[in-house]
N, C-alpha and C. Protein backbone atom coordinates (compact mmCIF):
# COMPACT_ATOMS: atom_id res chain seq x y z
N UNK A 1 89.90 66.79 49.30
CA UNK A 1 89.98 65.87 50.33
C UNK A 1 89.01 67.02 51.39
N UNK A 2 88.20 66.45 52.34
CA UNK A 2 87.82 67.09 53.39
C UNK A 2 87.73 66.59 54.58
N UNK A 3 88.14 66.29 55.47
CA UNK A 3 87.85 65.50 56.94
C UNK A 3 86.13 66.27 56.97
N UNK A 4 85.80 64.86 58.10
CA UNK A 4 84.31 65.07 58.51
C UNK A 4 84.46 65.60 59.97
N UNK A 5 85.33 65.81 60.82
CA UNK A 5 85.40 66.28 62.06
C UNK A 5 84.20 67.24 62.42
N UNK A 6 83.66 66.85 63.14
CA UNK A 6 82.56 67.98 63.28
C UNK A 6 81.41 68.97 62.95
N UNK A 7 81.29 68.14 61.54
CA UNK A 7 80.55 68.95 60.47
C UNK A 7 79.09 68.60 60.80
N UNK A 8 78.81 67.50 61.80
CA UNK A 8 77.16 67.63 61.98
C UNK A 8 77.23 68.19 63.14
N UNK A 9 78.15 68.71 64.11
CA UNK A 9 78.06 69.10 65.31
C UNK A 9 78.29 70.61 65.33
N UNK A 10 78.72 71.07 64.14
CA UNK A 10 78.83 72.24 64.43
C UNK A 10 78.28 73.69 63.34
N UNK A 11 77.88 74.69 63.91
CA UNK A 11 77.33 75.52 63.24
C UNK A 11 77.96 76.18 62.16
N UNK A 12 77.61 75.86 61.36
CA UNK A 12 78.27 76.58 59.58
C UNK A 12 78.37 78.38 59.69
N UNK A 13 76.92 78.64 60.35
CA UNK A 13 77.38 80.31 60.17
C UNK A 13 78.43 80.86 61.24
N UNK A 14 78.30 80.06 62.63
CA UNK A 14 79.17 80.75 63.31
C UNK A 14 80.34 80.01 64.36
N UNK A 15 79.88 78.66 63.74
CA UNK A 15 81.34 77.81 64.38
C UNK A 15 80.99 76.96 65.47
N UNK A 16 79.51 77.39 66.17
CA UNK A 16 79.80 76.76 67.46
C UNK A 16 79.47 75.38 67.22
N UNK A 17 80.33 74.50 68.38
CA UNK A 17 79.90 73.21 68.40
C UNK A 17 79.42 72.41 69.49
N UNK A 18 78.35 71.77 69.13
CA UNK A 18 76.92 70.83 69.79
C UNK A 18 77.83 69.70 70.22
N UNK A 19 78.75 69.60 71.44
CA UNK A 19 79.22 68.30 71.79
C UNK A 19 77.74 67.56 72.42
N UNK A 20 77.06 67.72 72.78
CA UNK A 20 76.05 66.68 72.79
C UNK A 20 74.88 66.45 72.04
N UNK A 21 74.69 66.52 70.65
CA UNK A 21 74.03 66.43 69.80
C UNK A 21 73.31 65.11 69.89
N UNK A 22 72.46 64.53 69.69
CA UNK A 22 71.75 63.38 69.99
C UNK A 22 70.46 63.32 69.18
N UNK A 23 69.92 64.60 68.43
CA UNK A 23 68.85 64.69 67.90
C UNK A 23 68.65 64.59 66.35
N UNK A 24 68.04 64.67 65.47
CA UNK A 24 67.91 64.69 64.17
C UNK A 24 67.57 66.34 63.86
N UNK A 25 67.67 66.97 64.79
CA UNK A 25 67.68 68.53 64.48
C UNK A 25 68.97 68.94 65.04
N UNK A 26 69.39 69.82 64.52
CA UNK A 26 70.67 70.88 64.52
C UNK A 26 70.03 72.20 65.27
N UNK A 27 70.30 72.36 66.33
CA UNK A 27 69.97 73.88 66.97
C UNK A 27 71.22 74.67 67.72
N UNK A 28 71.61 75.99 66.75
CA UNK A 28 72.65 76.50 67.36
C UNK A 28 72.17 77.61 68.57
N UNK A 29 72.73 77.91 69.93
CA UNK A 29 71.95 78.50 70.72
C UNK A 29 72.92 80.03 70.27
N UNK A 30 73.97 79.93 69.93
CA UNK A 30 74.61 81.29 69.53
C UNK A 30 74.10 81.94 68.31
N UNK A 31 73.57 81.49 67.43
CA UNK A 31 73.23 82.13 66.04
C UNK A 31 71.56 82.09 65.73
N UNK A 32 71.22 80.90 67.22
CA UNK A 32 69.63 80.98 67.00
C UNK A 32 69.21 80.00 65.45
N UNK A 33 69.91 79.01 64.70
CA UNK A 33 69.34 78.28 63.73
C UNK A 33 69.23 77.02 64.31
N UNK A 34 68.16 76.41 63.46
CA UNK A 34 67.64 75.01 63.39
C UNK A 34 66.98 74.44 61.99
N UNK A 35 67.96 73.50 61.70
CA UNK A 35 68.14 73.03 60.62
C UNK A 35 68.36 71.14 60.83
N UNK A 36 68.07 70.63 59.60
CA UNK A 36 68.33 68.81 59.96
C UNK A 36 69.82 68.70 60.31
N UNK A 37 69.87 67.58 61.08
CA UNK A 37 71.56 67.42 61.64
C UNK A 37 72.25 66.93 60.42
N UNK A 38 71.50 66.27 59.37
CA UNK A 38 72.01 65.63 58.29
C UNK A 38 72.31 66.77 57.30
N UNK A 39 71.38 67.74 56.68
CA UNK A 39 71.76 68.47 56.06
C UNK A 39 72.78 69.83 56.66
N UNK A 40 72.66 70.06 57.92
CA UNK A 40 73.58 70.91 58.36
C UNK A 40 75.27 70.14 58.19
N UNK A 41 75.66 69.08 58.35
CA UNK A 41 76.60 68.32 58.02
C UNK A 41 77.02 68.16 56.84
N UNK A 42 76.21 68.00 55.86
CA UNK A 42 76.64 68.39 54.46
C UNK A 42 76.91 69.60 53.91
N UNK A 43 76.03 70.42 54.33
CA UNK A 43 76.27 71.89 54.13
C UNK A 43 77.64 72.28 54.68
N UNK A 44 78.12 71.86 55.87
CA UNK A 44 79.43 72.07 56.52
C UNK A 44 80.41 71.49 55.58
N UNK A 45 80.15 69.89 55.09
CA UNK A 45 81.44 69.54 54.46
C UNK A 45 81.64 69.86 53.28
N UNK A 46 80.79 71.16 52.57
CA UNK A 46 80.83 71.51 51.03
C UNK A 46 81.14 72.93 51.66
N UNK A 47 81.16 73.55 52.63
CA UNK A 47 81.92 74.87 52.78
C UNK A 47 83.02 74.73 53.28
N UNK A 48 83.53 73.18 53.97
CA UNK A 48 84.72 73.26 54.30
C UNK A 48 85.61 72.99 53.06
N UNK A 49 85.20 72.17 52.20
CA UNK A 49 86.18 71.69 50.68
C UNK A 49 86.33 73.05 50.15
N UNK A 50 85.13 73.96 50.33
CA UNK A 50 85.02 75.31 49.25
C UNK A 50 86.73 76.35 50.18
N UNK A 51 86.84 76.23 51.04
CA UNK A 51 87.64 76.71 52.15
C UNK A 51 89.20 76.23 51.99
N UNK A 52 89.46 74.86 51.69
CA UNK A 52 90.73 74.07 51.05
C UNK A 52 91.31 74.55 49.90
N UNK A 53 92.04 74.81 49.92
CA UNK A 53 92.94 75.78 48.56
C UNK A 53 93.78 74.52 47.81
N UNK A 54 93.85 73.56 48.50
CA UNK A 54 94.23 72.37 47.84
C UNK A 54 93.41 71.47 47.52
N UNK A 55 92.25 71.54 47.50
CA UNK A 55 91.07 70.78 46.83
C UNK A 55 91.08 70.33 45.65
N UNK A 56 90.39 69.36 45.08
CA UNK A 56 90.27 69.00 43.83
C UNK A 56 89.32 69.64 43.50
N UNK A 57 89.36 69.79 41.88
CA UNK A 57 88.15 70.28 41.36
C UNK A 57 86.42 69.44 41.57
N UNK A 58 85.62 69.93 41.90
CA UNK A 58 83.87 69.46 41.99
C UNK A 58 84.05 68.82 40.70
N UNK A 59 83.75 69.45 39.16
CA UNK A 59 83.65 68.83 37.84
C UNK A 59 84.63 68.68 37.19
N UNK A 60 84.84 67.44 36.29
CA UNK A 60 85.92 67.63 34.97
C UNK A 60 85.27 68.15 34.17
N UNK A 61 85.84 69.08 33.68
CA UNK A 61 86.11 69.91 32.30
C UNK A 61 86.30 69.29 31.32
């Protein structure tokens, strides 16, 4: 299980949080990346779930 806190506002590369995000594009001023806000949030949720040592498996074997 993974919380969605700040996943759409946070840069997955450096951790910078854009608290004023109101556009459909996410722009990290620290790491200089530009990407779709929804893609960025989805990517961050995946990264957070991979870092959680107590997560359930993604695939049933």
